[in-house]
């Protein structure tokens, strides 16, 4: 008896293996309903069906992996792989093509959401990028980042020169493909690294901060390289004048963003928060800022992801941004855009091509080269920074997580026709393997590192400060007048919020009601008292930091 296509009930059982029980029933109803309607006259129906399935399977698998100590992002990526030609399309091609049609107009609808998801993901990545942590840690992270990027980048670029022509859509653009592959191998995933470091209670440890800072720098360098590579790919080949022009434009954009642009972003967010009464106005302004900066990078000839990433950094540094607003924005990105983007990336991968022994062997070689290059580069950088063997081992293990960032880079290369579908599948496979292997490796490496006496004291002191009431404040609302009590209140506000640069709003009683200060002299006097308290608070913080450095506490 020959093989027969599975029935709908068997597909429902297959879905049950990867999503919660309630979700499985919904998926079965969805498949039956879409087939009954035929999808022929309703493009919106197919679009909604795609989104629902990607959310169901991605969230369900993400939950399963997260319970076993793996990142939920990998569950969303694997969910897309299972819904694509690797499994669903292999078992039941007609149903897979019915829900995920290849019609350009229909496919363009879900691709548009996926492309918007890339920008939203880069916005969130930028918001989570703590440049102050990088400045505080010191030179060690720069040594790790330099070698951790250069070594795997060289490995990836060299590997691209030896790939068969069949793996490249245009063999004449092998140099550009090498730049994409080198970047994909050299970049790390801050989200996944931070997840394991936080889980192991290493976030405040010296090594944990070095690891996070190194991943942040590598991410930033990676997106800058992608921006330049996009400019090269637009010209079709490596040309000196366009390359210099692109690099100069990127440098000018970065200088503008972190000088005038930073103040402009802070002002816009503050103005929106103060003037608008409608709900979620600040989130709307953040999305507008992201869109404008993405358009600017697009106009100067580099990819929009650079603009979204830099916008996220500036928004994350805004003193007016509260954790409540940030949480709302993170919620819609992680709940909607992340499962759709990573699911679509998984759909583009076809693991059935690995049945070819040559492609399977090349994929294995790619995994080995990527792991050795990334681990070796970070390990060398850690040793150059005078770290011990165990610390260097932990750093190398941490930097070997690609995860979301590598998939984004590969997706950009695929959309630009620089990478073939087979090469994209190989990169996604490598990203899944190295990312799933990283958490247990890092847990093992961090578990072997004892904490020193001085470091233990600092960690305990910071943990105590975290649970103090002052650390949980996000903004001060101060009611002052011209009395001595009012002046003391302003001075106390400066002491409380001055050390951390906490936003402060001044209110003044007027004619039996509370209003913002309209008396310029009274407002100036209150501001002077706040500045006095802030200066005193900053001096106290500096003295504490100095004594910690001198190890006298």
Protein backbone atom coordinates (compact mmCIF):
# COMPACT_ATOMS: atom_id res chain seq x y z
CA UNK A 1 0.00 0.00 0.00
CA UNK A 2 1.42 3.40 -1.00
CA UNK A 3 1.73 6.36 1.30
CA UNK A 4 -1.47 8.41 1.67
CA UNK A 5 -1.85 12.05 2.62
CA UNK A 6 -2.88 12.44 6.25
CA UNK A 7 -6.43 13.36 7.06
CA UNK A 8 -7.43 16.54 8.85
CA UNK A 9 -7.78 14.62 12.11
CA UNK A 10 -4.21 13.35 11.82
CA UNK A 11 -3.00 16.90 11.24
CA UNK A 12 -4.90 17.98 14.33
CA UNK A 13 -3.04 15.31 16.30
CA UNK A 14 0.22 16.62 14.87
CA UNK A 15 -0.60 20.17 15.96
CA UNK A 16 -1.58 18.86 19.41
CA UNK A 17 1.99 17.70 19.88
CA UNK A 18 3.29 21.25 19.68
CA UNK A 19 0.57 23.57 20.99
CA UNK A 20 -1.70 23.56 24.06
CA UNK A 21 -4.83 21.45 23.96
CA UNK A 22 -7.21 24.38 23.46
CA UNK A 23 -5.03 25.80 20.72
CA UNK A 24 -4.99 22.45 18.91
CA UNK A 25 -8.76 22.42 18.64
CA UNK A 26 -8.73 25.95 17.29
CA UNK A 27 -6.09 25.02 14.73
CA UNK A 28 -8.16 22.06 13.50
CA UNK A 29 -11.24 24.26 13.15
CA UNK A 30 -9.13 26.84 11.32
CA UNK A 31 -7.78 24.34 8.78
CA UNK A 32 -11.27 22.91 8.17
CA UNK A 33 -12.82 26.36 7.85
CA UNK A 34 -10.23 27.67 5.44
CA UNK A 35 -10.55 24.61 3.25
CA UNK A 36 -14.34 24.88 3.26
CA UNK A 37 -14.23 28.50 2.17
CA UNK A 38 -11.56 27.72 -0.38
CA UNK A 39 -9.80 31.00 0.31
CA UNK A 40 -10.43 31.82 -3.30
CA UNK A 41 -12.49 34.94 -2.77
CA UNK A 42 -11.13 36.08 0.54
CA UNK A 43 -7.52 37.18 0.73
CA UNK A 44 -8.25 38.55 4.18
CA UNK A 45 -9.30 35.07 5.32
CA UNK A 46 -5.97 33.55 4.30
CA UNK A 47 -4.14 36.46 5.90
CA UNK A 48 -5.93 35.98 9.22
CA UNK A 49 -5.44 32.21 9.03
CA UNK A 50 -1.69 32.69 8.58
CA UNK A 51 -1.45 35.02 11.56
CA UNK A 52 -3.53 32.77 13.82
CA UNK A 53 -1.51 29.66 13.00
CA UNK A 54 1.81 31.45 13.44
CA UNK A 55 0.69 32.80 16.82
CA UNK A 56 -0.74 29.47 17.98
CA UNK A 57 2.17 27.26 17.04
CA UNK A 58 4.88 29.83 17.80
CA UNK A 59 3.56 30.68 21.24
CA UNK A 60 2.84 27.06 22.09
CA UNK A 61 6.30 25.83 21.13
CA UNK A 62 7.90 28.86 22.77
CA UNK A 63 6.17 27.97 26.02
CA UNK A 64 7.39 24.37 25.80
CA UNK A 65 11.01 25.37 25.16
CA UNK A 66 10.95 28.03 27.85
CA UNK A 67 9.96 25.43 30.45
CA UNK A 68 13.12 23.54 29.56
CA UNK A 69 15.36 26.58 29.94
CA UNK A 70 15.49 27.53 26.26
CA UNK A 71 14.58 30.91 24.71
CA UNK A 72 10.97 31.27 23.56
CA UNK A 73 12.19 32.90 20.34
CA UNK A 74 13.54 29.53 19.20
CA UNK A 75 10.09 28.02 19.67
CA UNK A 76 8.63 30.64 17.35
CA UNK A 77 11.32 30.00 14.75
CA UNK A 78 10.93 26.21 14.98
CA UNK A 79 7.14 26.66 14.79
CA UNK A 80 7.55 28.44 11.46
CA UNK A 81 9.83 25.65 10.23
CA UNK A 82 7.20 23.04 11.14
CA UNK A 83 4.45 25.01 9.37
CA UNK A 84 6.59 25.39 6.23
CA UNK A 85 7.75 22.89 3.62
CA UNK A 86 9.96 21.15 6.19
CA UNK A 87 7.02 19.31 7.82
CA UNK A 88 3.50 20.61 7.15
CA UNK A 89 4.19 21.16 3.44
CA UNK A 90 5.90 17.78 3.23
CA UNK A 91 3.05 15.86 4.94
CA UNK A 92 0.13 17.78 3.43
CA UNK A 93 1.23 20.07 0.57
CA UNK A 94 -2.27 21.08 -0.56
CA UNK A 95 -3.31 22.27 2.92
CA UNK A 96 -0.02 24.09 3.43
CA UNK A 97 -0.36 25.91 0.10
CA UNK A 98 -3.99 26.69 0.91
CA UNK A 99 -3.10 28.52 4.13
CA UNK A 100 0.25 29.89 2.95
CA UNK A 101 -0.32 30.55 -0.76
CA UNK A 102 2.54 31.54 -3.07
CA UNK A 103 0.44 34.18 -4.86
CA UNK A 104 2.58 37.38 -4.78
CA UNK A 105 -0.28 39.67 -3.77
CA UNK A 106 -1.41 37.34 -1.00
CA UNK A 107 2.12 36.66 0.20
CA UNK A 108 2.84 40.38 0.21
CA UNK A 109 0.27 40.95 2.97
CA UNK A 110 1.97 38.73 5.56
CA UNK A 111 5.43 39.78 4.34
CA UNK A 112 4.53 43.41 5.05
CA UNK A 113 3.69 42.55 8.65
CA UNK A 114 6.93 40.59 8.89
CA UNK A 115 8.99 43.51 7.57
CA UNK A 116 7.32 45.85 10.05
CA UNK A 117 8.16 43.24 12.67
CA UNK A 118 11.87 43.61 11.85
CA UNK A 119 11.70 47.34 12.57
CA UNK A 120 9.74 46.77 15.79
CA UNK A 121 12.24 44.12 16.93
CA UNK A 122 15.17 46.45 16.27
CA UNK A 123 13.36 49.23 18.14
CA UNK A 124 12.95 46.95 21.15
CA UNK A 125 16.56 45.75 20.87
CA UNK A 126 17.76 49.34 20.90
CA UNK A 127 15.59 50.19 23.91
CA UNK A 128 17.18 47.30 25.81
CA UNK A 129 20.71 48.42 24.86
CA UNK A 130 22.28 49.95 27.96
CA UNK A 131 25.21 52.08 26.77
CA UNK A 132 25.80 53.28 30.33
CA UNK A 133 26.61 49.70 31.30
CA UNK A 134 29.16 49.54 28.48
CA UNK A 135 30.85 52.74 29.70
CA UNK A 136 30.87 51.51 33.28
CA UNK A 137 32.43 48.11 32.65
CA UNK A 138 35.58 49.37 30.94
CA UNK A 139 37.99 48.15 28.30
CA UNK A 140 37.53 44.39 28.74
CA UNK A 141 34.29 44.30 26.76
CA UNK A 142 35.88 46.20 23.86
CA UNK A 143 38.67 43.61 23.61
CA UNK A 144 36.15 40.76 23.63
CA UNK A 145 33.91 42.50 21.09
CA UNK A 146 36.76 43.30 18.72
CA UNK A 147 38.09 39.75 18.47
CA UNK A 148 34.58 38.28 18.86
CA UNK A 149 33.50 40.10 15.70
CA UNK A 150 36.67 40.04 13.59
CA UNK A 151 37.52 36.31 13.89
CA UNK A 152 34.07 34.87 12.99
CA UNK A 153 33.58 37.59 10.35
CA UNK A 154 36.77 36.49 8.60
CA UNK A 155 35.66 32.85 8.88
CA UNK A 156 32.26 33.61 7.34
CA UNK A 157 33.67 35.80 4.58
CA UNK A 158 36.29 33.16 3.69
CA UNK A 159 33.68 30.38 3.71
CA UNK A 160 31.53 32.31 1.22
CA UNK A 161 34.42 32.34 -1.27
CA UNK A 162 34.40 28.53 -1.39
CA UNK A 163 30.65 27.94 -1.53
CA UNK A 164 29.30 26.24 -4.67
CA UNK A 165 27.78 28.62 -7.22
CA UNK A 166 24.43 26.82 -6.82
CA UNK A 167 24.11 28.24 -3.27
CA UNK A 168 24.32 31.85 -4.48
CA UNK A 169 21.57 33.53 -6.53
CA UNK A 170 24.24 35.57 -8.28
CA UNK A 171 27.77 34.10 -8.10
CA UNK A 172 29.21 37.44 -9.29
CA UNK A 173 28.11 38.98 -5.96
CA UNK A 174 30.14 36.53 -3.89
CA UNK A 175 31.85 39.40 -2.05
CA UNK A 176 28.53 40.85 -0.88
CA UNK A 177 27.32 37.37 0.10
CA UNK A 178 30.54 36.98 2.09
CA UNK A 179 29.81 40.23 3.94
CA UNK A 180 26.33 38.98 4.87
CA UNK A 181 27.58 35.56 5.92
CA UNK A 182 30.45 37.08 7.90
CA UNK A 183 28.08 39.41 9.72
CA UNK A 184 25.63 36.59 10.43
CA UNK A 185 28.42 34.53 12.01
CA UNK A 186 29.89 37.41 14.04
CA UNK A 187 26.79 38.89 15.66
CA UNK A 188 25.40 37.75 19.04
CA UNK A 189 21.90 37.85 20.51
CA UNK A 190 21.74 40.18 23.52
CA UNK A 191 18.28 38.90 24.48
CA UNK A 192 19.33 35.26 24.81
CA UNK A 193 22.65 36.07 26.50
CA UNK A 194 20.88 38.32 29.02
CA UNK A 195 18.23 35.65 29.67
CA UNK A 196 20.79 33.08 30.83
CA UNK A 197 22.96 35.60 32.69
CA UNK A 198 19.91 36.90 34.57
CA UNK A 199 18.69 33.37 35.30
CA UNK A 200 22.09 32.49 36.84
CA UNK A 201 22.01 35.63 39.04
CA UNK A 202 25.09 36.95 37.23
CA UNK A 203 23.58 40.24 36.07
CA UNK A 204 25.40 42.21 38.80
CA UNK A 205 28.52 40.08 38.80
CA UNK A 206 31.58 41.61 37.13
CA UNK A 207 31.74 38.89 34.49
CA UNK A 208 28.01 39.08 33.82
CA UNK A 209 28.25 42.81 33.09
CA UNK A 210 31.25 42.23 30.81
CA UNK A 211 29.33 39.55 28.88
CA UNK A 212 26.22 41.73 28.44
CA UNK A 213 28.29 44.77 27.44
CA UNK A 214 30.26 42.74 24.89
CA UNK A 215 27.04 41.44 23.33
CA UNK A 216 25.68 45.00 23.16
CA UNK A 217 28.79 46.26 21.35
CA UNK A 218 28.73 43.29 18.95
CA UNK A 219 25.07 43.95 18.17
CA UNK A 220 25.79 47.62 17.47
CA UNK A 221 28.78 46.82 15.26
CA UNK A 222 26.73 44.18 13.43
CA UNK A 223 23.96 46.60 12.48
CA UNK A 224 26.50 49.17 11.32
CA UNK A 225 28.14 46.52 9.12
CA UNK A 226 24.74 45.49 7.77
CA UNK A 227 24.00 49.13 6.92
CA UNK A 228 27.25 49.43 4.97
CA UNK A 229 26.74 46.02 3.33
CA UNK A 230 23.28 47.07 2.20
CA UNK A 231 24.82 50.11 0.53
CA UNK A 232 27.35 47.88 -1.25
CA UNK A 233 24.64 45.42 -2.31
CA UNK A 234 22.56 48.27 -3.74
CA UNK A 235 25.44 49.12 -6.10
CA UNK A 236 25.78 45.44 -7.07
CA UNK A 237 29.51 45.21 -6.38
CA UNK A 238 32.29 46.62 -4.21
CA UNK A 239 33.14 50.12 -5.46
CA UNK A 240 35.44 52.50 -3.60
CA UNK A 241 33.57 55.79 -4.05
CA UNK A 242 30.07 54.48 -3.13
CA UNK A 243 31.60 52.58 -0.19
CA UNK A 244 33.31 55.70 1.19
CA UNK A 245 30.10 57.68 0.64
CA UNK A 246 28.03 55.08 2.49
CA UNK A 247 30.45 54.93 5.43
CA UNK A 248 30.54 58.75 5.63
CA UNK A 249 26.73 58.92 5.54
CA UNK A 250 26.42 56.31 8.32
CA UNK A 251 29.02 58.16 10.44
CA UNK A 252 27.22 61.48 9.94
CA UNK A 253 23.90 59.89 10.85
CA UNK A 254 25.34 58.38 14.04
CA UNK A 255 26.96 61.68 15.10
CA UNK A 256 23.72 63.58 14.48
CA UNK A 257 21.64 60.95 16.29
CA UNK A 258 23.71 60.96 19.49
CA UNK A 259 24.01 64.76 19.69
CA UNK A 260 21.16 66.84 18.29
CA UNK A 261 18.99 63.78 17.68
CA UNK A 262 19.17 62.66 21.31
CA UNK A 263 17.93 66.04 22.58
CA UNK A 264 15.25 66.16 19.91
CA UNK A 265 13.94 62.68 20.84
CA UNK A 266 13.93 63.56 24.55
CA UNK A 267 12.06 66.80 23.84
CA UNK A 268 9.44 65.14 21.62
CA UNK A 269 8.68 62.41 24.15
CA UNK A 270 8.48 64.89 27.02
CA UNK A 271 6.28 67.27 25.03
CA UNK A 272 3.92 64.45 24.04
CA UNK A 273 3.69 63.25 27.63
CA UNK A 274 2.92 66.76 28.93
CA UNK A 275 0.56 68.04 26.22
CA UNK A 276 -1.51 65.06 25.08
CA UNK A 277 -4.37 63.70 27.14
CA UNK A 278 -5.20 60.79 24.85
CA UNK A 279 -4.12 57.31 25.84
CA UNK A 280 -0.91 55.82 24.43
CA UNK A 281 0.18 59.14 22.88
CA UNK A 282 3.78 58.56 23.96
CA UNK A 283 3.83 55.14 22.27
CA UNK A 284 2.53 56.75 19.07
CA UNK A 285 5.34 59.31 19.22
CA UNK A 286 7.92 56.56 19.76
CA UNK A 287 6.67 54.72 16.66
CA UNK A 288 6.77 57.97 14.66
CA UNK A 289 10.37 58.56 15.78
CA UNK A 290 11.26 55.03 14.74
CA UNK A 291 9.63 55.47 11.34
CA UNK A 292 11.29 58.83 10.64
CA UNK A 293 14.76 57.56 11.57
CA UNK A 294 14.22 54.42 9.47
CA UNK A 295 13.26 56.64 6.52
CA UNK A 296 16.40 58.74 7.02
CA UNK A 297 18.66 55.69 6.85
CA UNK A 298 16.72 54.48 3.82
CA UNK A 299 17.27 57.83 2.07
CA UNK A 300 21.03 57.78 2.70
CA UNK A 301 21.22 54.36 1.07
CA UNK A 302 21.45 51.99 4.04
CA UNK A 303 18.92 49.60 5.54
CA UNK A 304 16.02 50.82 7.64
CA UNK A 305 17.03 48.50 10.51
CA UNK A 306 19.86 50.88 11.46
CA UNK A 307 17.43 53.77 11.91
CA UNK A 308 15.06 51.64 13.99
CA UNK A 309 17.91 50.35 16.16
CA UNK A 310 19.36 53.82 16.84
CA UNK A 311 15.85 55.16 17.52
CA UNK A 312 15.42 52.42 20.12
CA UNK A 313 18.68 53.39 21.84
CA UNK A 314 17.66 57.06 22.04
CA UNK A 315 14.12 56.23 23.22
CA UNK A 316 15.50 53.86 25.86
CA UNK A 317 17.74 56.62 27.23
CA UNK A 318 14.87 59.13 27.51
CA UNK A 319 14.42 60.16 31.17
CA UNK A 320 10.67 60.53 30.71
CA UNK A 321 10.19 56.93 29.56
CA UNK A 322 8.51 54.93 32.32
CA UNK A 323 8.59 51.16 32.72
CA UNK A 324 4.80 51.16 32.22
CA UNK A 325 5.09 52.70 28.73
CA UNK A 326 8.02 50.47 27.87
CA UNK A 327 6.08 47.42 29.06
CA UNK A 328 3.10 48.29 26.86
CA UNK A 329 5.31 48.64 23.79
CA UNK A 330 7.20 45.44 24.57
CA UNK A 331 3.90 43.59 25.02
CA UNK A 332 2.59 44.21 21.50
CA UNK A 333 6.01 43.50 19.94
CA UNK A 334 6.60 40.21 21.75
CA UNK A 335 2.98 39.05 21.48
CA UNK A 336 2.35 39.86 17.82
CA UNK A 337 5.34 40.90 15.73
CA UNK A 338 7.95 38.49 17.09
CA UNK A 339 5.94 35.26 16.48
CA UNK A 340 4.97 36.44 12.99
CA UNK A 341 8.48 37.49 11.95
CA UNK A 342 10.27 34.42 13.28
CA UNK A 343 7.47 32.20 12.05
CA UNK A 344 7.83 33.66 8.55
CA UNK A 345 11.60 33.20 8.75
CA UNK A 346 11.01 29.54 9.62
CA UNK A 347 8.56 29.21 6.73
CA UNK A 348 11.28 30.36 4.34
CA UNK A 349 13.56 27.54 5.48
CA UNK A 350 13.16 24.12 3.89
CA UNK A 351 14.95 21.45 5.92
CA UNK A 352 14.07 18.79 3.37
CA UNK A 353 16.98 20.08 1.24
CA UNK A 354 19.32 18.72 3.92
CA UNK A 355 18.47 15.25 2.66
CA UNK A 356 21.09 16.05 0.04
CA UNK A 357 24.35 14.72 1.56
CA UNK A 358 26.36 17.62 0.13
CA UNK A 359 24.10 20.27 1.66
CA UNK A 360 23.96 18.37 4.95
CA UNK A 361 27.76 18.21 5.05
CA UNK A 362 28.05 21.92 4.23
CA UNK A 363 25.54 22.76 6.97
CA UNK A 364 27.54 20.73 9.49
CA UNK A 365 30.71 22.52 8.38
CA UNK A 366 28.92 25.87 8.77
CA UNK A 367 27.89 24.99 12.34
CA UNK A 368 31.46 23.95 13.23
CA UNK A 369 33.08 27.00 11.63
CA UNK A 370 30.54 29.38 13.21
CA UNK A 371 30.99 27.84 16.67
CA UNK A 372 34.78 27.71 16.57
CA UNK A 373 35.06 31.21 15.08
CA UNK A 374 32.72 32.84 17.60
CA UNK A 375 33.89 30.92 20.65
CA UNK A 376 37.55 31.26 19.69
CA UNK A 377 37.28 34.99 18.95
CA UNK A 378 35.58 35.79 22.27
CA UNK A 379 37.95 33.48 24.17
CA UNK A 380 41.01 35.22 22.69
CA UNK A 381 39.56 38.63 23.54
CA UNK A 382 38.92 37.57 27.13
CA UNK A 383 42.48 36.30 27.51
CA UNK A 384 43.82 39.56 26.04
CA UNK A 385 41.81 41.34 28.74
CA UNK A 386 43.72 39.31 31.38
CA UNK A 387 40.79 37.10 32.34
CA UNK A 388 41.25 33.65 33.82
CA UNK A 389 40.73 30.47 31.79
CA UNK A 390 37.34 29.79 33.43
CA UNK A 391 36.15 33.36 32.81
CA UNK A 392 37.30 33.22 29.17
CA UNK A 393 35.48 29.89 28.80
CA UNK A 394 32.25 31.47 30.06
CA UNK A 395 32.64 34.48 27.75
CA UNK A 396 33.22 32.26 24.72
CA UNK A 397 30.18 30.14 25.57
CA UNK A 398 27.95 33.21 25.98
CA UNK A 399 28.94 34.89 22.72
CA UNK A 400 28.09 31.78 20.68
CA UNK A 401 24.34 32.52 20.85
CA UNK A 402 23.01 33.97 17.59
CA UNK A 403 19.27 33.59 17.88
CA UNK A 404 17.10 36.43 16.66
CA UNK A 405 19.83 38.71 15.33
CA UNK A 406 21.30 36.19 12.93
CA UNK A 407 17.86 35.29 11.59
CA UNK A 408 17.16 38.97 10.94
CA UNK A 409 20.46 39.37 9.09
CA UNK A 410 19.81 36.25 7.00
CA UNK A 411 16.24 37.40 6.25
CA UNK A 412 17.54 40.71 4.95
CA UNK A 413 20.04 38.88 2.73
CA UNK A 414 17.26 36.62 1.42
CA UNK A 415 14.93 39.53 0.69
CA UNK A 416 17.73 41.31 -1.23
CA UNK A 417 18.41 38.13 -3.29
CA UNK A 418 21.97 37.96 -1.92
CA UNK A 419 21.37 34.59 -0.21
CA UNK A 420 19.64 31.65 -1.83
CA UNK A 421 16.86 29.74 -0.07
CA UNK A 422 19.21 26.81 0.49
CA UNK A 423 21.92 28.99 2.02
CA UNK A 424 19.26 30.74 4.11
CA UNK A 425 18.08 27.33 5.36
CA UNK A 426 21.65 26.42 6.27
CA UNK A 427 22.10 29.68 8.24
CA UNK A 428 18.78 29.25 10.08
CA UNK A 429 19.70 25.64 10.95
CA UNK A 430 23.04 26.82 12.30
CA UNK A 431 21.32 29.59 14.30
CA UNK A 432 18.92 27.08 15.89
CA UNK A 433 21.68 24.58 16.79
CA UNK A 434 24.13 27.11 18.25
CA UNK A 435 21.41 28.98 20.14
CA UNK A 436 19.93 25.84 21.71
CA UNK A 437 23.43 24.66 22.68
CA UNK A 438 24.41 27.98 24.30
CA UNK A 439 22.21 28.05 27.48
CA UNK A 440 23.41 24.72 28.95
CA UNK A 441 27.03 25.57 28.02
CA UNK A 442 26.85 28.99 29.70
CA UNK A 443 25.09 27.60 32.78
CA UNK A 444 27.86 25.02 33.13
CA UNK A 445 30.61 27.62 32.66
CA UNK A 446 29.10 30.20 35.04
CA UNK A 447 28.44 27.57 37.69
CA UNK A 448 32.20 26.95 37.92
CA UNK A 449 33.03 30.59 38.78
CA UNK A 450 33.30 31.46 42.51
CA UNK A 451 32.53 34.98 43.73
CA UNK A 452 35.27 37.03 45.41
CA UNK A 453 34.90 38.82 48.75
CA UNK A 454 34.91 42.37 47.31
CA UNK A 455 32.52 41.42 44.53
CA UNK A 456 30.18 39.74 47.02
CA UNK A 457 30.01 42.92 49.10
CA UNK A 458 29.20 45.05 46.06
CA UNK A 459 26.52 42.62 44.84
CA UNK A 460 24.85 42.52 48.27
CA UNK A 461 24.89 46.31 48.54
CA UNK A 462 23.33 46.74 45.08
CA UNK A 463 20.69 44.12 45.88
CA UNK A 464 19.82 46.03 49.05
CA UNK A 465 19.56 49.29 47.11
CA UNK A 466 17.23 47.67 44.59
CA UNK A 467 14.65 46.90 47.26
CA UNK A 468 14.77 50.42 48.69
CA UNK A 469 11.78 52.62 47.96
CA UNK A 470 13.86 55.26 46.18
CA UNK A 471 15.07 52.87 43.49
CA UNK A 472 11.50 52.03 42.51
CA UNK A 473 10.53 55.65 41.85
CA UNK A 474 10.32 56.68 38.20
CA UNK A 475 9.27 60.33 38.45
CA UNK A 476 8.93 62.96 41.16
CA UNK A 477 5.91 65.24 41.61
CA UNK A 478 6.89 68.12 43.92
CA UNK A 479 4.53 70.69 45.49
CA UNK A 480 6.51 73.80 46.52
CA UNK A 481 5.95 77.39 47.59
CA UNK A 482 8.19 80.23 48.77
CA UNK A 483 8.20 79.11 52.40
CA UNK A 484 11.14 77.47 54.13
CA UNK A 485 9.28 74.15 54.04
CA UNK A 486 8.82 74.56 50.28
CA UNK A 487 12.52 75.22 49.81
CA UNK A 488 13.38 72.22 51.94
CA UNK A 489 10.97 70.09 49.91
CA UNK A 490 12.67 71.14 46.67
CA UNK A 491 16.09 70.42 48.17
CA UNK A 492 14.92 66.99 49.35
CA UNK A 493 13.57 66.24 45.84
CA UNK A 494 17.02 66.99 44.47
CA UNK A 495 18.61 64.63 46.98
CA UNK A 496 16.19 61.82 46.11
CA UNK A 497 16.17 62.12 42.33
CA UNK A 498 19.32 64.03 41.48
CA UNK A 499 21.76 61.15 41.60
CA UNK A 500 19.84 59.15 39.01
CA UNK A 501 18.62 62.05 36.86
CA UNK A 502 14.99 61.32 37.75
CA UNK A 503 12.41 63.51 35.93
CA UNK A 504 10.80 66.06 38.28
CA UNK A 505 7.58 68.04 37.82
CA UNK A 506 7.10 71.20 39.91
CA UNK A 507 3.63 72.17 41.16
CA UNK A 508 2.73 75.37 43.02
CA UNK A 509 -0.40 76.23 45.08
CA UNK A 510 -2.27 79.18 43.58
CA UNK A 511 -5.63 80.64 44.63
CA UNK A 512 -6.62 77.53 46.52
CA UNK A 513 -5.70 75.14 43.73
CA UNK A 514 -2.59 73.34 42.58
CA UNK A 515 -1.10 74.37 39.28
CA UNK A 516 2.23 74.39 37.50
CA UNK A 517 4.51 77.25 38.62
CA UNK A 518 3.74 80.40 36.66
CA UNK A 519 5.85 82.72 38.78
CA UNK A 520 9.23 82.61 37.03
CA UNK A 521 11.11 83.79 40.13
CA UNK A 522 9.47 81.21 42.35
CA UNK A 523 10.11 78.49 39.83
CA UNK A 524 13.75 79.51 39.53
CA UNK A 525 14.21 79.45 43.30
CA UNK A 526 12.69 75.97 43.50
CA UNK A 527 14.90 74.77 40.66
CA UNK A 528 17.99 76.13 42.41
CA UNK A 529 17.11 74.16 45.55
CA UNK A 530 16.56 71.01 43.51
CA UNK A 531 19.94 71.52 41.81
CA UNK A 532 21.62 71.93 45.21
CA UNK A 533 20.14 68.65 46.40
CA UNK A 534 21.01 66.93 43.14
CA UNK A 535 24.60 68.13 43.36
CA UNK A 536 24.89 66.89 46.92
CA UNK A 537 23.38 63.53 45.90
CA UNK A 538 25.78 63.20 42.94
CA UNK A 539 28.74 63.99 45.18
CA UNK A 540 27.64 61.33 47.66
CA UNK A 541 27.30 58.75 44.88
CA UNK A 542 30.77 59.66 43.58
CA UNK A 543 32.31 59.25 47.05
CA UNK A 544 30.70 55.82 47.41
CA UNK A 545 31.99 54.74 43.97
CA UNK A 546 35.49 55.98 44.81
CA UNK A 547 35.61 54.06 48.06
CA UNK A 548 34.40 50.93 46.29
CA UNK A 549 37.17 51.28 43.73
CA UNK A 550 39.74 51.78 46.51
CA UNK A 551 38.35 48.63 48.18
CA UNK A 552 38.18 50.46 51.49
CA UNK A 553 34.64 49.36 52.30
